[in-house]
Amino acid sequence: MRKDLTLLGAATDLGQSKAGTELAPSWLRLKGIKEVLSRKFFNLKDLGDINPTDSNPSKDKDLNKDKDLNKNKENDHPAISRYNKRLKETIKQELVDQRLVITLGGDHSIAIGSLSASLEYNPDIKVVWVDAHADLNTPETSPSGNLHGMPLAFFFDLLKPGQTRDLFSWVPRLKRENLVYIGLRDVDEGERRFIKELGITFFDADTVKELGISKVLEETINQLCPRGDEDVHLSFDVDGLDPEFVPATGTPVNGGLHLMDGQRIINTLARKSNLISFDLVEVNPLLGQNEFDLDMTAASTIALLESIPTWDSENMTLDKILFDQIN
């Protein structure tokens, strides 16, 4: 893991219809995540939030007539494409400067930009995708039409020719063997077909419970990082965890990962690979039934970031004993 950190807020809700994900980066800063992260790294640089201020959905309204566009008119593909290009360029420069980048979403459509940056930096990047959902839909297969459920489809060029595919033609390709899913439990029929056709490795939530997170991570590391120094991009949707731990999120699914599983994923990848980019997405401070739900969501998110090992000159030996004992 790199010793210097860049924190970036991807303050957007463009990829889905529920307002609030755009508030998550600033909300999490208020909850103290910068103080947590500043203890973990030699240097922390906060770039603030990137807002989709250059997007004007009304001027692209006529594009909604294209049948290949998102079924949900609240989504604006041209704006999402422009926004993610901005994210990509910002993140890529930080990667070139040898800094770990944590991108706080925002909805999961921000991974189009963050993963593109990682792929342009290293075309052989390894990807761990923690999520209740596969995010592999296309406009044809998606029941909701929300683009936050489609980001990986662009990296495998699954879209049919049309306006949406053209808008995201700048997205690079990901090698199927370089992706591992952890935590799946709400996968649409079209996504199941794509996963099977592509031969993507996945560990659904039931498998994690059956094998234990340690075995799942052992197999993940053996596939993606056998040397231990491979570059890794971690894209972590908080709905990968059970709603017991993160109730304030837009598409919760029961039966998810334990909070400690999420901590082990982050800690293990930081210690046993060269983690260079980390998305943390889909926190929504406008959701949740009461103040307890918000407090639990903030506490769980902070606990995830606390699991990042403290960087030191002895290969991040601090915190290692704790997580080895949990196992």
Protein backbone atom coordinates (compact mmCIF):
# COMPACT_ATOMS: atom_id res chain seq x y z
CA MET A 1 0.00 0.00 0.00
CA ARG A 2 1.19 3.49 -0.75
CA LYS A 3 2.27 5.73 2.10
CA ASP A 4 0.54 8.93 0.88
CA LEU A 5 -3.21 9.32 0.47
CA THR A 6 -5.46 11.49 -1.65
CA LEU A 7 -9.07 11.80 -0.54
CA LEU A 8 -11.61 12.79 -3.17
CA GLY A 9 -15.34 13.33 -2.87
CA ALA A 10 -17.39 12.18 -5.86
CA ALA A 11 -20.45 14.20 -4.88
CA THR A 12 -23.05 12.95 -7.33
CA ASP A 13 -26.40 11.19 -7.44
CA LEU A 14 -26.64 11.16 -11.24
CA GLY A 15 -26.53 7.36 -11.54
CA GLN A 16 -29.77 6.70 -9.66
CA SER A 17 -32.98 8.43 -8.64
CA LYS A 18 -32.67 8.82 -4.85
CA ALA A 19 -31.23 12.13 -3.71
CA GLY A 20 -28.62 12.08 -0.98
CA THR A 21 -25.57 10.19 -2.24
CA GLU A 22 -24.15 13.52 -3.40
CA LEU A 23 -24.09 14.63 0.25
CA ALA A 24 -22.18 11.63 1.55
CA PRO A 25 -18.58 12.88 1.09
CA SER A 26 -19.11 16.09 3.05
CA TRP A 27 -21.25 14.26 5.64
CA LEU A 28 -18.57 11.65 6.21
CA ARG A 29 -15.94 14.35 6.63
CA LEU A 30 -18.12 15.88 9.35
CA LYS A 31 -18.27 12.46 11.00
CA GLY A 32 -14.48 12.39 11.28
CA ILE A 33 -13.10 10.23 8.49
CA LYS A 34 -10.25 12.64 7.76
CA GLU A 35 -9.04 12.34 11.33
CA VAL A 36 -9.10 8.55 11.01
CA LEU A 37 -7.23 8.54 7.71
CA SER A 38 -4.64 11.12 8.78
CA ARG A 39 -3.44 8.60 11.39
CA LYS A 40 -2.95 5.94 8.74
CA PHE A 41 -0.71 7.69 6.21
CA PHE A 42 2.42 9.81 6.07
CA ASN A 43 0.57 12.50 4.18
CA LEU A 44 -3.13 13.12 3.45
CA LYS A 45 -4.30 15.46 0.71
CA ASP A 46 -8.01 16.24 0.50
CA LEU A 47 -9.03 17.45 -2.95
CA GLY A 48 -12.54 18.27 -1.75
CA ASP A 49 -15.62 17.34 -3.74
CA ILE A 50 -16.09 17.12 -7.48
CA ASN A 51 -19.66 18.11 -8.28
CA PRO A 52 -21.36 17.59 -11.64
CA THR A 53 -21.67 21.36 -12.08
CA ASP A 54 -20.87 21.24 -15.78
CA SER A 55 -23.87 18.98 -16.45
CA ASN A 56 -27.14 20.38 -17.69
CA PRO A 57 -29.71 17.61 -18.05
CA SER A 58 -32.24 19.91 -19.73
CA LYS A 59 -30.04 20.57 -22.74
CA ASP A 60 -29.79 16.83 -23.37
CA LYS A 61 -33.49 16.16 -22.90
CA ASP A 62 -34.02 15.30 -26.53
CA LEU A 63 -31.58 12.40 -26.21
CA ASN A 64 -34.10 10.61 -23.97
CA LYS A 65 -35.97 9.71 -27.14
CA ASP A 66 -33.17 7.25 -27.98
CA LYS A 67 -34.37 3.78 -26.91
CA ASP A 68 -30.80 2.90 -25.87
CA LEU A 69 -30.80 5.56 -23.16
CA ASN A 70 -31.64 4.86 -19.55
CA LYS A 71 -35.29 4.02 -18.94
CA ASN A 72 -35.31 6.34 -15.92
CA LYS A 73 -35.57 9.89 -17.26
CA GLU A 74 -33.92 11.21 -14.09
CA ASN A 75 -30.66 9.69 -15.30
CA ASP A 76 -28.61 11.78 -17.72
CA HIS A 77 -26.02 9.72 -19.54
CA PRO A 78 -24.21 12.62 -21.26
CA ALA A 79 -23.75 14.34 -17.90
CA ILE A 80 -22.60 11.09 -16.26
CA SER A 81 -20.06 10.55 -19.02
CA ARG A 82 -18.67 14.08 -18.71
CA TYR A 83 -18.55 13.82 -14.94
CA ASN A 84 -16.68 10.52 -14.97
CA LYS A 85 -14.14 11.83 -17.46
CA ARG A 86 -13.35 14.57 -14.94
CA LEU A 87 -13.01 12.00 -12.17
CA LYS A 88 -10.76 9.84 -14.33
CA GLU A 89 -8.32 12.63 -15.12
CA THR A 90 -8.15 13.80 -11.51
CA ILE A 91 -7.62 10.32 -10.07
CA LYS A 92 -5.14 9.25 -12.73
CA GLN A 93 -2.83 12.16 -11.91
CA GLU A 94 -2.84 11.20 -8.24
CA LEU A 95 -2.01 7.60 -9.15
CA VAL A 96 0.88 8.78 -11.30
CA ASP A 97 2.10 10.76 -8.30
CA GLN A 98 2.25 7.47 -6.37
CA ARG A 99 -0.60 8.23 -4.00
CA LEU A 100 -3.37 5.90 -2.90
CA VAL A 101 -6.71 7.42 -3.88
CA ILE A 102 -9.85 6.95 -1.81
CA THR A 103 -12.89 8.14 -3.74
CA LEU A 104 -15.95 8.76 -1.60
CA GLY A 105 -19.21 8.46 -3.50
CA GLY A 106 -21.68 9.27 -4.59
CA ASP A 107 -23.50 6.42 -6.25
CA HIS A 108 -21.64 3.52 -7.83
CA SER A 109 -21.67 5.05 -11.30
CA ILE A 110 -18.57 6.98 -10.13
CA ALA A 111 -16.60 3.74 -10.60
CA ILE A 112 -16.74 4.38 -14.34
CA GLY A 113 -14.30 7.23 -13.77
CA SER A 114 -12.26 5.78 -10.90
CA LEU A 115 -11.71 2.36 -12.48
CA SER A 116 -10.95 3.96 -15.85
CA ALA A 117 -8.20 5.94 -14.14
CA SER A 118 -6.78 2.77 -12.60
CA LEU A 119 -6.90 0.95 -15.94
CA GLU A 120 -5.20 3.78 -17.77
CA TYR A 121 -2.53 3.79 -15.08
CA ASN A 122 -2.16 -0.01 -15.25
CA PRO A 123 -4.07 -1.96 -17.94
CA ASP A 124 -3.48 -5.13 -15.90
CA ILE A 125 -5.12 -3.71 -12.74
CA LYS A 126 -6.79 -6.27 -10.45
CA VAL A 127 -10.29 -5.44 -9.22
CA VAL A 128 -12.20 -6.55 -6.14
CA TRP A 129 -15.86 -5.52 -6.30
CA VAL A 130 -17.70 -5.72 -2.97
CA ASP A 131 -21.43 -5.33 -3.56
CA ALA A 132 -24.84 -6.91 -3.11
CA HIS A 133 -25.32 -6.28 -6.84
CA ALA A 134 -23.22 -7.24 -9.86
CA ASP A 135 -23.49 -3.79 -11.52
CA LEU A 136 -23.23 -5.56 -14.87
CA ASN A 137 -26.58 -4.60 -16.37
CA THR A 138 -27.11 -2.87 -19.68
CA PRO A 139 -30.05 -0.62 -20.65
CA GLU A 140 -31.66 -3.74 -22.17
CA THR A 141 -31.26 -6.00 -19.11
CA SER A 142 -31.73 -3.50 -16.27
CA PRO A 143 -35.12 -3.67 -14.49
CA SER A 144 -34.64 -0.17 -13.02
CA GLY A 145 -32.73 1.58 -15.80
CA ASN A 146 -30.40 3.14 -13.20
CA LEU A 147 -26.86 3.55 -14.42
CA HIS A 148 -25.34 2.86 -11.00
CA GLY A 149 -26.23 -0.76 -11.75
CA MET A 150 -24.33 -0.76 -15.06
CA PRO A 151 -20.74 0.50 -14.56
CA LEU A 152 -18.95 -2.80 -15.17
CA ALA A 153 -20.88 -3.38 -18.40
CA PHE A 154 -18.88 -0.59 -20.03
CA PHE A 155 -15.56 -2.19 -19.11
CA PHE A 156 -16.60 -5.44 -20.83
CA ASP A 157 -18.18 -3.69 -23.84
CA LEU A 158 -21.55 -5.33 -23.25
CA LEU A 159 -23.77 -2.53 -24.58
CA LYS A 160 -25.39 -2.70 -27.97
CA PRO A 161 -24.49 0.01 -30.49
CA GLY A 162 -26.32 3.23 -29.76
CA GLN A 163 -26.15 6.59 -28.04
CA THR A 164 -25.23 5.29 -24.57
CA ARG A 165 -22.45 3.07 -25.84
CA ASP A 166 -21.05 5.93 -27.91
CA LEU A 167 -21.09 8.29 -24.93
CA PHE A 168 -18.87 5.90 -22.96
CA SER A 169 -16.61 4.76 -25.79
CA TRP A 170 -13.66 6.28 -23.90
CA VAL A 171 -13.93 3.64 -21.13
CA PRO A 172 -11.01 1.14 -21.29
CA ARG A 173 -11.43 -2.64 -21.16
CA LEU A 174 -10.99 -4.83 -18.10
CA LYS A 175 -9.67 -8.38 -18.32
CA ARG A 176 -12.36 -10.75 -17.03
CA GLU A 177 -9.82 -12.80 -15.05
CA ASN A 178 -8.80 -9.63 -13.18
CA LEU A 179 -12.19 -9.18 -11.49
CA VAL A 180 -13.50 -10.90 -8.35
CA TYR A 181 -16.90 -10.19 -6.79
CA ILE A 182 -17.49 -10.55 -3.04
CA GLY A 183 -20.91 -10.32 -1.36
CA LEU A 184 -23.35 -10.76 -4.26
CA ARG A 185 -26.94 -11.64 -3.36
CA ASP A 186 -29.26 -9.62 -5.64
CA VAL A 187 -28.19 -10.37 -9.20
CA ASP A 188 -30.49 -9.85 -12.18
CA GLU A 189 -31.04 -12.52 -14.81
CA GLY A 190 -29.08 -10.68 -17.49
CA GLU A 191 -26.19 -10.15 -15.12
CA ARG A 192 -26.10 -13.86 -14.24
CA ARG A 193 -25.82 -14.65 -17.93
CA PHE A 194 -22.97 -12.17 -18.41
CA ILE A 195 -21.08 -13.50 -15.37
CA LYS A 196 -21.36 -17.04 -16.70
CA GLU A 197 -20.39 -16.10 -20.26
CA LEU A 198 -17.41 -14.07 -19.11
CA GLY A 199 -16.35 -16.62 -16.51
CA ILE A 200 -16.01 -14.04 -13.73
CA THR A 201 -15.07 -15.33 -10.28
CA PHE A 202 -17.61 -14.49 -7.59
CA PHE A 203 -18.23 -15.28 -3.95
CA ASP A 204 -21.83 -14.55 -3.06
CA ALA A 205 -22.83 -13.72 0.50
CA ASP A 206 -23.92 -17.28 1.24
CA THR A 207 -20.56 -18.61 0.07
CA VAL A 208 -18.76 -16.14 2.31
CA LYS A 209 -20.80 -17.41 5.25
CA GLU A 210 -20.12 -21.02 4.30
CA LEU A 211 -16.38 -20.74 3.65
CA GLY A 212 -15.56 -17.84 5.96
CA ILE A 213 -14.08 -14.56 4.80
CA SER A 214 -10.50 -15.77 5.39
CA LYS A 215 -10.87 -18.59 2.85
CA VAL A 216 -12.59 -16.28 0.37
CA LEU A 217 -9.76 -13.76 0.66
CA GLU A 218 -7.15 -16.50 0.34
CA GLU A 219 -8.68 -17.62 -2.94
CA THR A 220 -9.07 -14.03 -4.11
CA ILE A 221 -5.43 -13.23 -3.38
CA ASN A 222 -4.27 -16.47 -5.05
CA GLN A 223 -6.12 -15.52 -8.23
CA LEU A 224 -5.40 -11.81 -8.40
CA CYS A 225 -2.22 -11.22 -6.41
CA PRO A 226 -0.03 -14.35 -6.27
CA ARG A 227 3.16 -12.25 -6.03
CA GLY A 228 1.74 -9.91 -3.40
CA ASP A 229 2.69 -6.68 -5.18
CA GLU A 230 0.05 -6.47 -7.92
CA ASP A 231 -1.83 -3.18 -8.26
CA VAL A 232 -5.42 -3.47 -6.97
CA HIS A 233 -8.53 -1.33 -7.31
CA LEU A 234 -11.13 -1.97 -4.58
CA SER A 235 -14.67 -0.83 -5.31
CA PHE A 236 -16.71 -1.14 -2.12
CA ASP A 237 -20.46 -0.53 -2.16
CA VAL A 238 -21.68 -0.30 1.43
CA ASP A 239 -24.76 -2.34 0.51
CA GLY A 240 -22.37 -5.27 0.30
CA LEU A 241 -22.71 -5.26 4.09
CA ASP A 242 -25.89 -6.37 5.77
CA PRO A 243 -28.35 -3.47 6.32
CA GLU A 244 -27.92 -4.09 10.04
CA PHE A 245 -24.62 -2.25 9.72
CA VAL A 246 -25.38 0.28 6.96
CA PRO A 247 -29.11 1.04 6.91
CA ALA A 248 -28.73 4.45 5.22
CA THR A 249 -28.16 3.25 1.67
CA GLY A 250 -30.38 3.23 -1.39
CA THR A 251 -30.71 -0.47 -2.30
CA PRO A 252 -30.23 -2.53 0.89
CA VAL A 253 -30.47 -6.32 0.67
CA ASN A 254 -30.77 -8.57 3.71
CA GLY A 255 -28.31 -11.40 4.31
CA GLY A 256 -25.19 -9.37 3.59
CA LEU A 257 -21.62 -9.42 4.82
CA HIS A 258 -20.78 -8.81 8.45
CA LEU A 259 -19.01 -5.53 9.19
CA MET A 260 -15.97 -7.52 10.27
CA ASP A 261 -15.93 -9.22 6.84
CA GLY A 262 -15.72 -5.81 5.21
CA GLN A 263 -12.89 -4.83 7.53
CA ARG A 264 -10.99 -8.00 6.72
CA ILE A 265 -11.35 -7.41 2.98
CA ILE A 266 -9.88 -3.91 3.22
CA ASN A 267 -7.12 -4.83 5.66
CA THR A 268 -6.05 -7.92 3.73
CA LEU A 269 -5.92 -6.19 0.34
CA ALA A 270 -3.91 -3.34 1.86
CA ARG A 271 -1.38 -5.77 3.30
CA LYS A 272 -1.21 -8.44 0.60
CA SER A 273 -1.37 -6.38 -2.59
CA ASN A 274 -0.47 -2.92 -3.80
CA LEU A 275 -3.81 -1.23 -3.17
CA ILE A 276 -3.76 1.95 -5.25
CA SER A 277 -7.41 2.96 -5.59
CA PHE A 278 -10.42 2.48 -3.30
CA ASP A 279 -14.03 3.50 -3.96
CA LEU A 280 -16.43 3.73 -1.01
CA VAL A 281 -19.90 4.38 -2.37
CA GLU A 282 -23.68 4.47 -1.87
CA VAL A 283 -23.83 5.96 1.62
CA ASN A 284 -26.97 8.13 1.66
CA PRO A 285 -27.45 10.38 4.70
CA LEU A 286 -30.99 11.28 3.57
CA LEU A 287 -32.13 7.68 4.03
CA GLY A 288 -32.62 5.59 7.14
CA GLN A 289 -35.65 5.48 9.40
CA ASN A 290 -34.24 7.50 12.28
CA GLU A 291 -31.13 9.01 13.87
CA PHE A 292 -29.97 5.59 15.00
CA ASP A 293 -29.77 4.44 11.37
CA LEU A 294 -27.61 7.42 10.48
CA ASP A 295 -25.35 6.94 13.50
CA MET A 296 -24.95 3.24 12.69
CA THR A 297 -24.14 4.00 9.05
CA ALA A 298 -21.52 6.58 9.99
CA ALA A 299 -19.98 4.31 12.64
CA SER A 300 -19.77 1.36 10.23
CA THR A 301 -18.23 3.47 7.48
CA ILE A 302 -15.62 4.80 9.88
CA ALA A 303 -14.95 1.25 11.11
CA LEU A 304 -14.26 0.18 7.52
CA LEU A 305 -11.69 2.96 7.13
CA GLU A 306 -10.20 2.19 10.54
CA SER A 307 -9.33 -1.25 9.19
CA ILE A 308 -6.77 0.22 6.80
CA PRO A 309 -3.41 -0.73 8.33
CA THR A 310 -1.23 2.09 9.57
CA TRP A 311 1.57 2.65 7.11
CA ASP A 312 5.05 2.24 8.55
CA SER A 313 8.53 1.39 7.37
CA GLU A 314 8.12 -2.20 8.57
CA ASN A 315 5.64 -3.11 5.85
CA MET A 316 2.57 -1.97 7.75
CA THR A 317 3.04 -4.29 10.71
CA LEU A 318 0.81 -2.12 12.90
CA ASP A 319 -2.77 -3.43 13.09
CA LYS A 320 -1.72 -6.76 11.57
CA ILE A 321 -1.76 -8.65 14.84
CA LEU A 322 -5.32 -7.54 15.58
CA PHE A 323 -6.72 -8.80 12.31
CA ASP A 324 -4.71 -12.03 12.41
CA GLN A 325 -6.25 -12.69 15.82
CA ILE A 326 -9.75 -12.16 14.46
CA ASN A 327 -9.00 -14.99 12.05
